[in-house]
Amino acid sequence: MSDLNSIVQYRQGDILLERIDDLPEGTPTTERLLAEGEASNHGHFIQGDVKVLVAEEGSSTENGGFVTHFLEVDAEAALEHLLIDSGIWTEEHHKIAVPPGRYRVIRQREYNPYARAIRLIKD
């Protein structure tokens, strides 16, 4: 999608869902956890009628974004921030409604100009 006005994105913490036209190759999984919190027992989960594919190692966007999964959402789904062991809402991020479509899951990164390093954002 080259037209910036047509880009559809949903962000929750260190996760970005970006709508894509075609679903690339990936390994199907029943796991709904898209990213696990590094410091505590929480994670970003996709809930609903969704086909989840794990992206091939080294998958990236045209701009070098780190792609972890691909999603095919058949009916409105929800991106939720939950405790991993209990499934209880963490109250840190609100639930985001995700309309039907195909998406890539991108882990957000940040640049540290002092260390001249790029690292994944820790949520």
PDB file of N, CA and C in Angstrom:
ATOM      1  N   MET A   1       0.836  -1.169   0.000  1.00  0.00           N
ATOM      2  CA  MET A   1       0.000   0.000   0.000  1.00  0.00           C
ATOM      3  C   MET A   1       0.888   1.242   0.000  1.00  0.00           C
ATOM      4  N   SER A   2       0.964   1.898  -1.104  1.00  0.00           N
ATOM      5  CA  SER A   2       1.854   3.047  -1.192  1.00  0.00           C
ATOM      6  C   SER A   2       1.167   4.358  -0.828  1.00  0.00           C
ATOM      7  N   ASP A   3      -0.150   4.411  -0.907  1.00  0.00           N
ATOM      8  CA  ASP A   3      -0.882   5.621  -0.586  1.00  0.00           C
ATOM      9  C   ASP A   3      -1.047   5.719   0.929  1.00  0.00           C
ATOM     10  N   LEU A   4      -0.401   6.709   1.559  1.00  0.00           N
ATOM     11  CA  LEU A   4      -0.447   6.842   3.013  1.00  0.00           C
ATOM     12  C   LEU A   4      -1.857   7.042   3.541  1.00  0.00           C
ATOM     13  N   ASN A   5      -2.741   7.608   2.742  1.00  0.00           N
ATOM     14  CA  ASN A   5      -4.118   7.815   3.180  1.00  0.00           C
ATOM     15  C   ASN A   5      -4.899   6.512   3.274  1.00  0.00           C
ATOM     16  N   SER A   6      -4.418   5.451   2.652  1.00  0.00           N
ATOM     17  CA  SER A   6      -5.140   4.185   2.673  1.00  0.00           C
ATOM     18  C   SER A   6      -4.583   3.205   3.709  1.00  0.00           C
ATOM     19  N   ILE A   7      -3.546   3.575   4.433  1.00  0.00           N
ATOM     20  CA  ILE A   7      -2.957   2.690   5.431  1.00  0.00           C
ATOM     21  C   ILE A   7      -3.859   2.638   6.661  1.00  0.00           C
ATOM     22  N   VAL A   8      -4.199   1.417   7.078  1.00  0.00           N
ATOM     23  CA  VAL A   8      -5.025   1.213   8.266  1.00  0.00           C
ATOM     24  C   VAL A   8      -4.145   0.542   9.314  1.00  0.00           C
ATOM     25  N   GLN A   9      -4.036   1.179  10.491  1.00  0.00           N
ATOM     26  CA  GLN A   9      -3.184   0.659  11.549  1.00  0.00           C
ATOM     27  C   GLN A   9      -3.900   0.727  12.889  1.00  0.00           C
ATOM     28  N   TYR A  10      -3.549  -0.212  13.755  1.00  0.00           N
ATOM     29  CA  TYR A  10      -4.045  -0.240  15.129  1.00  0.00           C
ATOM     30  C   TYR A  10      -2.831  -0.484  16.022  1.00  0.00           C
ATOM     31  N   ARG A  11      -2.639   0.369  17.024  1.00  0.00           N
ATOM     32  CA  ARG A  11      -1.476   0.260  17.903  1.00  0.00           C
ATOM     33  C   ARG A  11      -1.935   0.016  19.337  1.00  0.00           C
ATOM     34  N   GLN A  12      -1.240  -0.910  19.993  1.00  0.00           N
ATOM     35  CA  GLN A  12      -1.466  -1.169  21.414  1.00  0.00           C
ATOM     36  C   GLN A  12      -0.112  -1.451  22.037  1.00  0.00           C
ATOM     37  N   GLY A  13       0.403  -0.485  22.814  1.00  0.00           N
ATOM     38  CA  GLY A  13       1.718  -0.657  23.431  1.00  0.00           C
ATOM     39  C   GLY A  13       2.786  -0.845  22.375  1.00  0.00           C
ATOM     40  N   ASP A  14       3.502  -1.959  22.450  1.00  0.00           N
ATOM     41  CA  ASP A  14       4.599  -2.221  21.518  1.00  0.00           C
ATOM     42  C   ASP A  14       4.168  -3.031  20.295  1.00  0.00           C
ATOM     43  N   ILE A  15       2.857  -3.180  20.090  1.00  0.00           N
ATOM     44  CA  ILE A  15       2.308  -3.941  18.963  1.00  0.00           C
ATOM     45  C   ILE A  15       1.619  -2.989  17.985  1.00  0.00           C
ATOM     46  N   LEU A  16       1.874  -3.192  16.710  1.00  0.00           N
ATOM     47  CA  LEU A  16       1.209  -2.436  15.655  1.00  0.00           C
ATOM     48  C   LEU A  16       0.596  -3.437  14.677  1.00  0.00           C
ATOM     49  N   LEU A  17      -0.706  -3.322  14.437  1.00  0.00           N
ATOM     50  CA  LEU A  17      -1.365  -4.118  13.399  1.00  0.00           C
ATOM     51  C   LEU A  17      -1.518  -3.215  12.190  1.00  0.00           C
ATOM     52  N   GLU A  18      -1.074  -3.701  11.039  1.00  0.00           N
ATOM     53  CA  GLU A  18      -1.157  -2.914   9.814  1.00  0.00           C
ATOM     54  C   GLU A  18      -1.856  -3.752   8.756  1.00  0.00           C
ATOM     55  N   ARG A  19      -2.914  -3.168   8.179  1.00  0.00           N
ATOM     56  CA  ARG A  19      -3.683  -3.882   7.158  1.00  0.00           C
ATOM     57  C   ARG A  19      -2.831  -4.091   5.911  1.00  0.00           C
ATOM     58  N   ILE A  20      -2.939  -5.302   5.327  1.00  0.00           N
ATOM     59  CA  ILE A  20      -2.221  -5.651   4.105  1.00  0.00           C
ATOM     60  C   ILE A  20      -3.216  -6.242   3.112  1.00  0.00           C
ATOM     61  N   ASP A  21      -2.822  -6.266   1.847  1.00  0.00           N
ATOM     62  CA  ASP A  21      -3.705  -6.793   0.813  1.00  0.00           C
ATOM     63  C   ASP A  21      -3.694  -8.314   0.752  1.00  0.00           C
ATOM     64  N   ASP A  22      -2.511  -8.901   0.799  1.00  0.00           N
ATOM     65  CA  ASP A  22      -2.366 -10.354   0.649  1.00  0.00           C
ATOM     66  C   ASP A  22      -1.736 -10.963   1.886  1.00  0.00           C
ATOM     67  N   LEU A  23      -2.133 -12.180   2.202  1.00  0.00           N
ATOM     68  CA  LEU A  23      -1.596 -12.888   3.349  1.00  0.00           C
ATOM     69  C   LEU A  23      -0.362 -13.663   2.910  1.00  0.00           C
ATOM     70  N   PRO A  24       0.829 -13.293   3.378  1.00  0.00           N
ATOM     71  CA  PRO A  24       2.051 -14.006   3.011  1.00  0.00           C
ATOM     72  C   PRO A  24       2.112 -15.394   3.650  1.00  0.00           C
ATOM     73  N   GLU A  25       3.136 -16.138   3.293  1.00  0.00           N
ATOM     74  CA  GLU A  25       3.356 -17.461   3.876  1.00  0.00           C
ATOM     75  C   GLU A  25       3.659 -17.323   5.360  1.00  0.00           C
ATOM     76  N   GLY A  26       3.198 -18.287   6.112  1.00  0.00           N
ATOM     77  CA  GLY A  26       3.459 -18.322   7.541  1.00  0.00           C
ATOM     78  C   GLY A  26       3.006 -19.653   8.082  1.00  0.00           C
ATOM     79  N   THR A  27       3.376 -19.960   9.307  1.00  0.00           N
ATOM     80  CA  THR A  27       3.022 -21.215   9.943  1.00  0.00           C
ATOM     81  C   THR A  27       1.761 -21.016  10.774  1.00  0.00           C
ATOM     82  N   PRO A  28       0.675 -21.741  10.460  1.00  0.00           N
ATOM     83  CA  PRO A  28      -0.557 -21.589  11.243  1.00  0.00           C
ATOM     84  C   PRO A  28      -0.324 -21.970  12.702  1.00  0.00           C
ATOM     85  N   THR A  29      -0.988 -21.262  13.617  1.00  0.00           N
ATOM     86  CA  THR A  29      -0.885 -21.559  15.038  1.00  0.00           C
ATOM     87  C   THR A  29      -2.232 -21.300  15.704  1.00  0.00           C
ATOM     88  N   THR A  30      -2.476 -21.988  16.794  1.00  0.00           N
ATOM     89  CA  THR A  30      -3.673 -21.735  17.592  1.00  0.00           C
ATOM     90  C   THR A  30      -3.375 -20.743  18.710  1.00  0.00           C
ATOM     91  N   GLU A  31      -2.118 -20.377  18.890  1.00  0.00           N
ATOM     92  CA  GLU A  31      -1.694 -19.433  19.931  1.00  0.00           C
ATOM     93  C   GLU A  31      -2.259 -18.050  19.635  1.00  0.00           C
ATOM     94  N   ARG A  32      -2.837 -17.408  20.624  1.00  0.00           N
ATOM     95  CA  ARG A  32      -3.426 -16.080  20.471  1.00  0.00           C
ATOM     96  C   ARG A  32      -2.544 -14.980  21.062  1.00  0.00           C
ATOM     97  N   LEU A  33      -1.461 -15.365  21.722  1.00  0.00           N
ATOM     98  CA  LEU A  33      -0.528 -14.411  22.314  1.00  0.00           C
ATOM     99  C   LEU A  33       0.395 -13.883  21.218  1.00  0.00           C
ATOM    100  N   LEU A  34       0.297 -12.587  20.919  1.00  0.00           N
ATOM    101  CA  LEU A  34       1.103 -11.989  19.859  1.00  0.00           C
ATOM    102  C   LEU A  34       2.426 -11.448  20.377  1.00  0.00           C
ATOM    103  N   ALA A  35       2.445 -11.002  21.624  1.00  0.00           N
ATOM    104  CA  ALA A  35       3.682 -10.502  22.235  1.00  0.00           C
ATOM    105  C   ALA A  35       3.548 -10.604  23.744  1.00  0.00           C
ATOM    106  N   GLU A  36       4.606 -11.069  24.372  1.00  0.00           N
ATOM    107  CA  GLU A  36       4.632 -11.221  25.817  1.00  0.00           C
ATOM    108  C   GLU A  36       5.409 -10.075  26.439  1.00  0.00           C
ATOM    109  N   GLY A  37       4.908  -9.547  27.555  1.00  0.00           N
ATOM    110  CA  GLY A  37       5.601  -8.488  28.270  1.00  0.00           C
ATOM    111  C   GLY A  37       6.926  -8.985  28.824  1.00  0.00           C
ATOM    112  N   GLU A  38       7.934  -8.158  28.714  1.00  0.00           N
ATOM    113  CA  GLU A  38       9.266  -8.566  29.148  1.00  0.00           C
ATOM    114  C   GLU A  38       9.431  -8.517  30.660  1.00  0.00           C
ATOM    115  N   ALA A  39       8.700  -7.621  31.324  1.00  0.00           N
ATOM    116  CA  ALA A  39       8.937  -7.396  32.746  1.00  0.00           C
ATOM    117  C   ALA A  39       7.867  -8.005  33.651  1.00  0.00           C
ATOM    118  N   SER A  40       6.736  -8.374  33.105  1.00  0.00           N
ATOM    119  CA  SER A  40       5.677  -8.903  33.966  1.00  0.00           C
ATOM    120  C   SER A  40       4.861  -9.943  33.222  1.00  0.00           C
ATOM    121  N   ASN A  41       3.844 -10.456  33.887  1.00  0.00           N
ATOM    122  CA  ASN A  41       3.022 -11.559  33.392  1.00  0.00           C
ATOM    123  C   ASN A  41       1.854 -11.045  32.538  1.00  0.00           C
ATOM    124  N   HIS A  42       2.145 -10.272  31.490  1.00  0.00           N
ATOM    125  CA  HIS A  42       1.078  -9.760  30.635  1.00  0.00           C
ATOM    126  C   HIS A  42       1.447  -9.971  29.171  1.00  0.00           C
ATOM    127  N   GLY A  43       0.433  -9.831  28.321  1.00  0.00           N
ATOM    128  CA  GLY A  43       0.691  -9.979  26.898  1.00  0.00           C
ATOM    129  C   GLY A  43      -0.414  -9.375  26.063  1.00  0.00           C
ATOM    130  N   HIS A  44      -0.140  -9.256  24.776  1.00  0.00           N
ATOM    131  CA  HIS A  44      -1.108  -8.747  23.803  1.00  0.00           C
ATOM    132  C   HIS A  44      -1.710  -9.961  23.099  1.00  0.00           C
ATOM    133  N   PHE A  45      -3.021 -10.116  23.208  1.00  0.00           N
ATOM    134  CA  PHE A  45      -3.734 -11.265  22.658  1.00  0.00           C
ATOM    135  C   PHE A  45      -4.711 -10.806  21.585  1.00  0.00           C
ATOM    136  N   ILE A  46      -4.874 -11.640  20.551  1.00  0.00           N
ATOM    137  CA  ILE A  46      -5.916 -11.403  19.556  1.00  0.00           C
ATOM    138  C   ILE A  46      -7.035 -12.398  19.849  1.00  0.00           C
ATOM    139  N   GLN A  47      -8.266 -11.897  19.959  1.00  0.00           N
ATOM    140  CA  GLN A  47      -9.423 -12.730  20.301  1.00  0.00           C
ATOM    141  C   GLN A  47     -10.450 -12.640  19.190  1.00  0.00           C
ATOM    142  N   GLY A  48     -11.109 -13.754  18.904  1.00  0.00           N
ATOM    143  CA  GLY A  48     -12.177 -13.745  17.922  1.00  0.00           C
ATOM    144  C   GLY A  48     -11.937 -14.735  16.800  1.00  0.00           C
ATOM    145  N   ASP A  49     -12.678 -14.571  15.716  1.00  0.00           N
ATOM    146  CA  ASP A  49     -12.600 -15.458  14.551  1.00  0.00           C
ATOM    147  C   ASP A  49     -11.415 -15.022  13.693  1.00  0.00           C
ATOM    148  N   VAL A  50     -10.218 -15.480  14.091  1.00  0.00           N
ATOM    149  CA  VAL A  50      -8.970 -15.021  13.474  1.00  0.00           C
ATOM    150  C   VAL A  50      -8.073 -16.214  13.169  1.00  0.00           C
ATOM    151  N   LYS A  51      -7.532 -16.223  11.964  1.00  0.00           N
ATOM    152  CA  LYS A  51      -6.494 -17.186  11.598  1.00  0.00           C
ATOM    153  C   LYS A  51      -5.160 -16.507  11.887  1.00  0.00           C
ATOM    154  N   VAL A  52      -4.318 -17.145  12.709  1.00  0.00           N
ATOM    155  CA  VAL A  52      -3.031 -16.576  13.097  1.00  0.00           C
ATOM    156  C   VAL A  52      -1.916 -17.380  12.435  1.00  0.00           C
ATOM    157  N   LEU A  53      -1.012 -16.667  11.760  1.00  0.00           N
ATOM    158  CA  LEU A  53       0.163 -17.292  11.144  1.00  0.00           C
ATOM    159  C   LEU A  53       1.415 -16.686  11.768  1.00  0.00           C
ATOM    160  N   VAL A  54       2.354 -17.534  12.159  1.00  0.00           N
ATOM    161  CA  VAL A  54       3.640 -17.051  12.652  1.00  0.00           C
ATOM    162  C   VAL A  54       4.487 -16.704  11.438  1.00  0.00           C
ATOM    163  N   ALA A  55       5.017 -15.498  11.409  1.00  0.00           N
ATOM    164  CA  ALA A  55       5.840 -15.049  10.270  1.00  0.00           C
ATOM    165  C   ALA A  55       7.154 -15.812  10.244  1.00  0.00           C
ATOM    166  N   GLU A  56       7.694 -15.964   9.052  1.00  0.00           N
ATOM    167  CA  GLU A  56       9.004 -16.593   8.908  1.00  0.00           C
ATOM    168  C   GLU A  56      10.053 -15.736   9.600  1.00  0.00           C
ATOM    169  N   GLU A  57      11.060 -16.378  10.175  1.00  0.00           N
ATOM    170  CA  GLU A  57      12.133 -15.652  10.853  1.00  0.00           C
ATOM    171  C   GLU A  57      12.753 -14.634   9.898  1.00  0.00           C
ATOM    172  N   GLY A  58      12.937 -13.427  10.385  1.00  0.00           N
ATOM    173  CA  GLY A  58      13.530 -12.373   9.576  1.00  0.00           C
ATOM    174  C   GLY A  58      12.539 -11.604   8.722  1.00  0.00           C
ATOM    175  N   SER A  59      11.228 -11.876   8.892  1.00  0.00           N
ATOM    176  CA  SER A  59      10.216 -11.136   8.122  1.00  0.00           C
ATOM    177  C   SER A  59      10.221  -9.668   8.543  1.00  0.00           C
ATOM    178  N   SER A  60      10.118  -8.796   7.538  1.00  0.00           N
ATOM    179  CA  SER A  60      10.131  -7.367   7.842  1.00  0.00           C
ATOM    180  C   SER A  60       9.265  -6.604   6.854  1.00  0.00           C
ATOM    181  N   THR A  61       8.963  -5.373   7.214  1.00  0.00           N
ATOM    182  CA  THR A  61       8.213  -4.492   6.337  1.00  0.00           C
ATOM    183  C   THR A  61       9.185  -3.868   5.334  1.00  0.00           C
ATOM    184  N   GLU A  62       8.636  -3.098   4.405  1.00  0.00           N
ATOM    185  CA  GLU A  62       9.461  -2.413   3.415  1.00  0.00           C
ATOM    186  C   GLU A  62      10.439  -1.442   4.088  1.00  0.00           C
ATOM    187  N   ASN A  63      10.056  -0.951   5.270  1.00  0.00           N
ATOM    188  CA  ASN A  63      10.890   0.006   5.992  1.00  0.00           C
ATOM    189  C   ASN A  63      11.721  -0.636   7.102  1.00  0.00           C
ATOM    190  N   GLY A  64      11.753  -1.963   7.138  1.00  0.00           N
ATOM    191  CA  GLY A  64      12.573  -2.651   8.129  1.00  0.00           C
ATOM    192  C   GLY A  64      11.871  -2.979   9.429  1.00  0.00           C
ATOM    193  N   GLY A  65      10.540  -2.837   9.487  1.00  0.00           N
ATOM    194  CA  GLY A  65       9.802  -3.199  10.695  1.00  0.00           C
ATOM    195  C   GLY A  65       9.854  -4.693  10.939  1.00  0.00           C
ATOM    196  N   PHE A  66       9.888  -5.107  12.202  1.00  0.00           N
ATOM    197  CA  PHE A  66      10.018  -6.500  12.604  1.00  0.00           C
ATOM    198  C   PHE A  66       8.637  -7.160  12.657  1.00  0.00           C
ATOM    199  N   VAL A  67       8.324  -8.022  11.673  1.00  0.00           N
ATOM    200  CA  VAL A  67       7.015  -8.675  11.572  1.00  0.00           C
ATOM    201  C   VAL A  67       7.061 -10.018  12.293  1.00  0.00           C
ATOM    202  N   THR A  68       6.107 -10.229  13.222  1.00  0.00           N
ATOM    203  CA  THR A  68       6.081 -11.476  13.994  1.00  0.00           C
ATOM    204  C   THR A  68       4.964 -12.419  13.567  1.00  0.00           C
ATOM    205  N   HIS A  69       3.828 -11.871  13.145  1.00  0.00           N
ATOM    206  CA  HIS A  69       2.661 -12.681  12.798  1.00  0.00           C
ATOM    207  C   HIS A  69       1.905 -12.030  11.637  1.00  0.00           C
ATOM    208  N   PHE A  70       1.019 -12.851  11.056  1.00  0.00           N
ATOM    209  CA  PHE A  70       0.035 -12.354  10.096  1.00  0.00           C
ATOM    210  C   PHE A  70      -1.329 -12.813  10.589  1.00  0.00           C
ATOM    211  N   LEU A  71      -2.345 -11.991  10.384  1.00  0.00           N
ATOM    212  CA  LEU A  71      -3.691 -12.301  10.849  1.00  0.00           C
ATOM    213  C   LEU A  71      -4.678 -12.210   9.702  1.00  0.00           C
ATOM    214  N   GLU A  72      -5.602 -13.151   9.662  1.00  0.00           N
ATOM    215  CA  GLU A  72      -6.744 -13.059   8.757  1.00  0.00           C
ATOM    216  C   GLU A  72      -7.980 -13.017   9.647  1.00  0.00           C
ATOM    217  N   VAL A  73      -8.583 -11.844   9.735  1.00  0.00           N
ATOM    218  CA  VAL A  73      -9.719 -11.603  10.617  1.00  0.00           C
ATOM    219  C   VAL A  73     -10.990 -11.762   9.797  1.00  0.00           C
ATOM    220  N   ASP A  74     -11.805 -12.773  10.133  1.00  0.00           N
ATOM    221  CA  ASP A  74     -13.030 -13.046   9.374  1.00  0.00           C
ATOM    222  C   ASP A  74     -14.230 -12.261   9.880  1.00  0.00           C
ATOM    223  N   ALA A  75     -14.281 -12.010  11.170  1.00  0.00           N
ATOM    224  CA  ALA A  75     -15.344 -11.205  11.785  1.00  0.00           C
ATOM    225  C   ALA A  75     -14.651 -10.323  12.819  1.00  0.00           C
ATOM    226  N   GLU A  76     -15.272  -9.211  13.195  1.00  0.00           N
ATOM    227  CA  GLU A  76     -14.601  -8.283  14.103  1.00  0.00           C
ATOM    228  C   GLU A  76     -13.956  -9.022  15.271  1.00  0.00           C
ATOM    229  N   ALA A  77     -12.696  -8.711  15.512  1.00  0.00           N
ATOM    230  CA  ALA A  77     -11.912  -9.338  16.574  1.00  0.00           C
ATOM    231  C   ALA A  77     -11.516  -8.262  17.580  1.00  0.00           C
ATOM    232  N   ALA A  78     -10.752  -8.667  18.587  1.00  0.00           N
ATOM    233  CA  ALA A  78     -10.305  -7.714  19.603  1.00  0.00           C
ATOM    234  C   ALA A  78      -8.846  -7.955  19.927  1.00  0.00           C
ATOM    235  N   LEU A  79      -8.094  -6.865  20.021  1.00  0.00           N
ATOM    236  CA  LEU A  79      -6.718  -6.906  20.504  1.00  0.00           C
ATOM    237  C   LEU A  79      -6.791  -6.518  21.974  1.00  0.00           C
ATOM    238  N   GLU A  80      -6.376  -7.442  22.856  1.00  0.00           N
ATOM    239  CA  GLU A  80      -6.528  -7.219  24.288  1.00  0.00           C
ATOM    240  C   GLU A  80      -5.204  -7.373  25.015  1.00  0.00           C
ATOM    241  N   HIS A  81      -5.040  -6.611  26.088  1.00  0.00           N
ATOM    242  CA  HIS A  81      -3.851  -6.661  26.938  1.00  0.00           C
ATOM    243  C   HIS A  81      -4.258  -7.359  28.230  1.00  0.00           C
ATOM    244  N   LEU A  82      -3.809  -8.603  28.401  1.00  0.00           N
ATOM    245  CA  LEU A  82      -4.282  -9.459  29.483  1.00  0.00           C
ATOM    246  C   LEU A  82      -3.126 -10.057  30.272  1.00  0.00           C
ATOM    247  N   LEU A  83      -3.429 -10.478  31.509  1.00  0.00           N
ATOM    248  CA  LEU A  83      -2.475 -11.268  32.274  1.00  0.00           C
ATOM    249  C   LEU A  83      -2.409 -12.643  31.629  1.00  0.00           C
ATOM    250  N   ILE A  84      -1.210 -13.162  31.439  1.00  0.00           N
ATOM    251  CA  ILE A  84      -1.035 -14.418  30.705  1.00  0.00           C
ATOM    252  C   ILE A  84      -1.619 -15.607  31.454  1.00  0.00           C
ATOM    253  N   ASP A  85      -1.394 -15.681  32.755  1.00  0.00           N
ATOM    254  CA  ASP A  85      -1.835 -16.875  33.489  1.00  0.00           C
ATOM    255  C   ASP A  85      -3.327 -16.898  33.804  1.00  0.00           C
ATOM    256  N   SER A  86      -3.985 -15.731  33.869  1.00  0.00           N
ATOM    257  CA  SER A  86      -5.398 -15.718  34.251  1.00  0.00           C
ATOM    258  C   SER A  86      -6.336 -15.183  33.173  1.00  0.00           C
ATOM    259  N   GLY A  87      -5.808 -14.455  32.184  1.00  0.00           N
ATOM    260  CA  GLY A  87      -6.655 -13.866  31.152  1.00  0.00           C
ATOM    261  C   GLY A  87      -7.413 -12.637  31.618  1.00  0.00           C
ATOM    262  N   ILE A  88      -7.029 -12.076  32.769  1.00  0.00           N
ATOM    263  CA  ILE A  88      -7.686 -10.887  33.307  1.00  0.00           C
ATOM    264  C   ILE A  88      -7.085  -9.643  32.665  1.00  0.00           C
ATOM    265  N   TRP A  89      -7.950  -8.668  32.363  1.00  0.00           N
ATOM    266  CA  TRP A  89      -7.517  -7.406  31.758  1.00  0.00           C
ATOM    267  C   TRP A  89      -6.563  -6.694  32.705  1.00  0.00           C
ATOM    268  N   THR A  90      -5.465  -6.184  32.177  1.00  0.00           N
ATOM    269  CA  THR A  90      -4.443  -5.522  32.986  1.00  0.00           C
ATOM    270  C   THR A  90      -4.786  -4.078  33.326  1.00  0.00           C
ATOM    271  N   GLU A  91      -5.762  -3.501  32.638  1.00  0.00           N
ATOM    272  CA  GLU A  91      -6.150  -2.099  32.770  1.00  0.00           C
ATOM    273  C   GLU A  91      -5.062  -1.140  32.268  1.00  0.00           C
ATOM    274  N   GLU A  92      -4.017  -1.678  31.636  1.00  0.00           N
ATOM    275  CA  GLU A  92      -2.941  -0.835  31.090  1.00  0.00           C
ATOM    276  C   GLU A  92      -3.308  -0.308  29.706  1.00  0.00           C
ATOM    277  N   HIS A  93      -3.882  -1.158  28.865  1.00  0.00           N
ATOM    278  CA  HIS A  93      -4.313  -0.762  27.517  1.00  0.00           C
ATOM    279  C   HIS A  93      -5.764  -1.200  27.344  1.00  0.00           C
ATOM    280  N   HIS A  94      -6.576  -0.352  26.727  1.00  0.00           N
ATOM    281  CA  HIS A  94      -7.956  -0.724  26.445  1.00  0.00           C
ATOM    282  C   HIS A  94      -8.023  -1.690  25.269  1.00  0.00           C
ATOM    283  N   LYS A  95      -9.100  -2.445  25.219  1.00  0.00           N
ATOM    284  CA  LYS A  95      -9.349  -3.368  24.109  1.00  0.00           C
ATOM    285  C   LYS A  95      -9.540  -2.554  22.839  1.00  0.00           C
ATOM    286  N   ILE A  96      -8.998  -3.074  21.727  1.00  0.00           N
ATOM    287  CA  ILE A  96      -9.131  -2.411  20.431  1.00  0.00           C
ATOM    288  C   ILE A  96      -9.911  -3.337  19.498  1.00  0.00           C
ATOM    289  N   ALA A  97     -10.987  -2.824  18.906  1.00  0.00           N
ATOM    290  CA  ALA A  97     -11.755  -3.585  17.925  1.00  0.00           C
ATOM    291  C   ALA A  97     -10.980  -3.613  16.610  1.00  0.00           C
ATOM    292  N   VAL A  98     -10.860  -4.815  16.041  1.00  0.00           N
ATOM    293  CA  VAL A  98     -10.140  -4.992  14.777  1.00  0.00           C
ATOM    294  C   VAL A  98     -11.137  -5.515  13.740  1.00  0.00           C
ATOM    295  N   PRO A  99     -11.442  -4.700  12.712  1.00  0.00           N
ATOM    296  CA  PRO A  99     -12.416  -5.131  11.707  1.00  0.00           C
ATOM    297  C   PRO A  99     -11.861  -6.237  10.808  1.00  0.00           C
ATOM    298  N   PRO A 100     -12.753  -6.932  10.098  1.00  0.00           N
ATOM    299  CA  PRO A 100     -12.306  -7.986   9.189  1.00  0.00           C
ATOM    300  C   PRO A 100     -11.263  -7.476   8.202  1.00  0.00           C
ATOM    301  N   GLY A 101     -10.319  -8.342   7.867  1.00  0.00           N
ATOM    302  CA  GLY A 101      -9.259  -8.007   6.924  1.00  0.00           C
ATOM    303  C   GLY A 101      -8.015  -8.824   7.209  1.00  0.00           C
ATOM    304  N   ARG A 102      -6.957  -8.513   6.485  1.00  0.00           N
ATOM    305  CA  ARG A 102      -5.656  -9.177   6.659  1.00  0.00           C
ATOM    306  C   ARG A 102      -4.683  -8.157   7.240  1.00  0.00           C
ATOM    307  N   TYR A 103      -3.881  -8.604   8.207  1.00  0.00           N
ATOM    308  CA  TYR A 103      -2.978  -7.706   8.915  1.00  0.00           C
ATOM    309  C   TYR A 103      -1.624  -8.363   9.136  1.00  0.00           C
ATOM    310  N   ARG A 104      -0.607  -7.523   9.259  1.00  0.00           N
ATOM    311  CA  ARG A 104       0.680  -8.003   9.744  1.00  0.00           C
ATOM    312  C   ARG A 104       0.879  -7.390  11.128  1.00  0.00           C
ATOM    313  N   VAL A 105       1.513  -8.164  12.004  1.00  0.00           N
ATOM    314  CA  VAL A 105       1.781  -7.734  13.372  1.00  0.00           C
ATOM    315  C   VAL A 105       3.239  -7.300  13.421  1.00  0.00           C
ATOM    316  N   ILE A 106       3.448  -6.051  13.795  1.00  0.00           N
ATOM    317  CA  ILE A 106       4.794  -5.474  13.817  1.00  0.00           C
ATOM    318  C   ILE A 106       5.142  -5.126  15.255  1.00  0.00           C
ATOM    319  N   ARG A 107       6.300  -5.603  15.718  1.00  0.00           N
ATOM    320  CA  ARG A 107       6.804  -5.207  17.038  1.00  0.00           C
ATOM    321  C   ARG A 107       7.477  -3.862  16.874  1.00  0.00           C
ATOM    322  N   GLN A 108       7.093  -2.928  17.711  1.00  0.00           N
ATOM    323  CA  GLN A 108       7.645  -1.582  17.641  1.00  0.00           C
ATOM    324  C   GLN A 108       9.087  -1.559  18.128  1.00  0.00           C
ATOM    325  N   ARG A 109       9.887  -0.738  17.477  1.00  0.00           N
ATOM    326  CA  ARG A 109      11.294  -0.577  17.837  1.00  0.00           C
ATOM    327  C   ARG A 109      11.575   0.892  18.085  1.00  0.00           C
ATOM    328  N   GLU A 110      12.684   1.150  18.760  1.00  0.00           N
ATOM    329  CA  GLU A 110      13.091   2.531  19.004  1.00  0.00           C
ATOM    330  C   GLU A 110      14.590   2.658  18.776  1.00  0.00           C
ATOM    331  N   TYR A 111      14.997   3.862  18.422  1.00  0.00           N
ATOM    332  CA  TYR A 111      16.408   4.151  18.163  1.00  0.00           C
ATOM    333  C   TYR A 111      16.978   4.938  19.334  1.00  0.00           C
ATOM    334  N   ASN A 112      18.110   4.486  19.858  1.00  0.00           N
ATOM    335  CA  ASN A 112      18.822   5.202  20.914  1.00  0.00           C
ATOM    336  C   ASN A 112      20.003   5.894  20.256  1.00  0.00           C
ATOM    337  N   PRO A 113      19.944   7.221  20.087  1.00  0.00           N
ATOM    338  CA  PRO A 113      21.017   7.922  19.379  1.00  0.00           C
ATOM    339  C   PRO A 113      22.345   7.921  20.146  1.00  0.00           C
ATOM    340  N   TYR A 114      22.284   7.781  21.470  1.00  0.00           N
ATOM    341  CA  TYR A 114      23.523   7.779  22.261  1.00  0.00           C
ATOM    342  C   TYR A 114      24.276   6.461  22.104  1.00  0.00           C
ATOM    343  N   ALA A 115      23.514   5.362  22.089  1.00  0.00           N
ATOM    344  CA  ALA A 115      24.134   4.043  21.895  1.00  0.00           C
ATOM    345  C   ALA A 115      24.209   3.682  20.413  1.00  0.00           C
ATOM    346  N   ARG A 116      23.552   4.500  19.579  1.00  0.00           N
ATOM    347  CA  ARG A 116      23.457   4.218  18.137  1.00  0.00           C
ATOM    348  C   ARG A 116      22.967   2.794  17.891  1.00  0.00           C
ATOM    349  N   ALA A 117      21.862   2.485  18.571  1.00  0.00           N
ATOM    350  CA  ALA A 117      21.320   1.129  18.506  1.00  0.00           C
ATOM    351  C   ALA A 117      19.808   1.178  18.376  1.00  0.00           C
ATOM    352  N   ILE A 118      19.274   0.170  17.689  1.00  0.00           N
ATOM    353  CA  ILE A 118      17.836  -0.008  17.559  1.00  0.00           C
ATOM    354  C   ILE A 118      17.466  -1.215  18.406  1.00  0.00           C
ATOM    355  N   ARG A 119      16.394  -1.072  19.209  1.00  0.00           N
ATOM    356  CA  ARG A 119      15.964  -2.192  20.033  1.00  0.00           C
ATOM    357  C   ARG A 119      14.437  -2.262  20.042  1.00  0.00           C
ATOM    358  N   LEU A 120      13.909  -3.458  20.349  1.00  0.00           N
ATOM    359  CA  LEU A 120      12.474  -3.606  20.493  1.00  0.00           C
ATOM    360  C   LEU A 120      12.003  -2.809  21.694  1.00  0.00           C
ATOM    361  N   ILE A 121      10.846  -2.181  21.569  1.00  0.00           N
ATOM    362  CA  ILE A 121      10.270  -1.466  22.689  1.00  0.00           C
ATOM    363  C   ILE A 121       9.785  -2.511  23.697  1.00  0.00           C
ATOM    364  N   LYS A 122      10.078  -2.274  24.958  1.00  0.00           N
ATOM    365  CA  LYS A 122       9.657  -3.183  26.014  1.00  0.00           C
ATOM    366  C   LYS A 122       8.413  -2.625  26.667  1.00  0.00           C
ATOM    367  N   ASP A 123       7.356  -3.443  26.698  1.00  0.00           N
ATOM    368  CA  ASP A 123       6.070  -3.027  27.236  1.00  0.00           C
ATOM    369  C   ASP A 123       5.859  -3.679  28.585  1.00  0.00           C
TER     370      ASP A 123
END
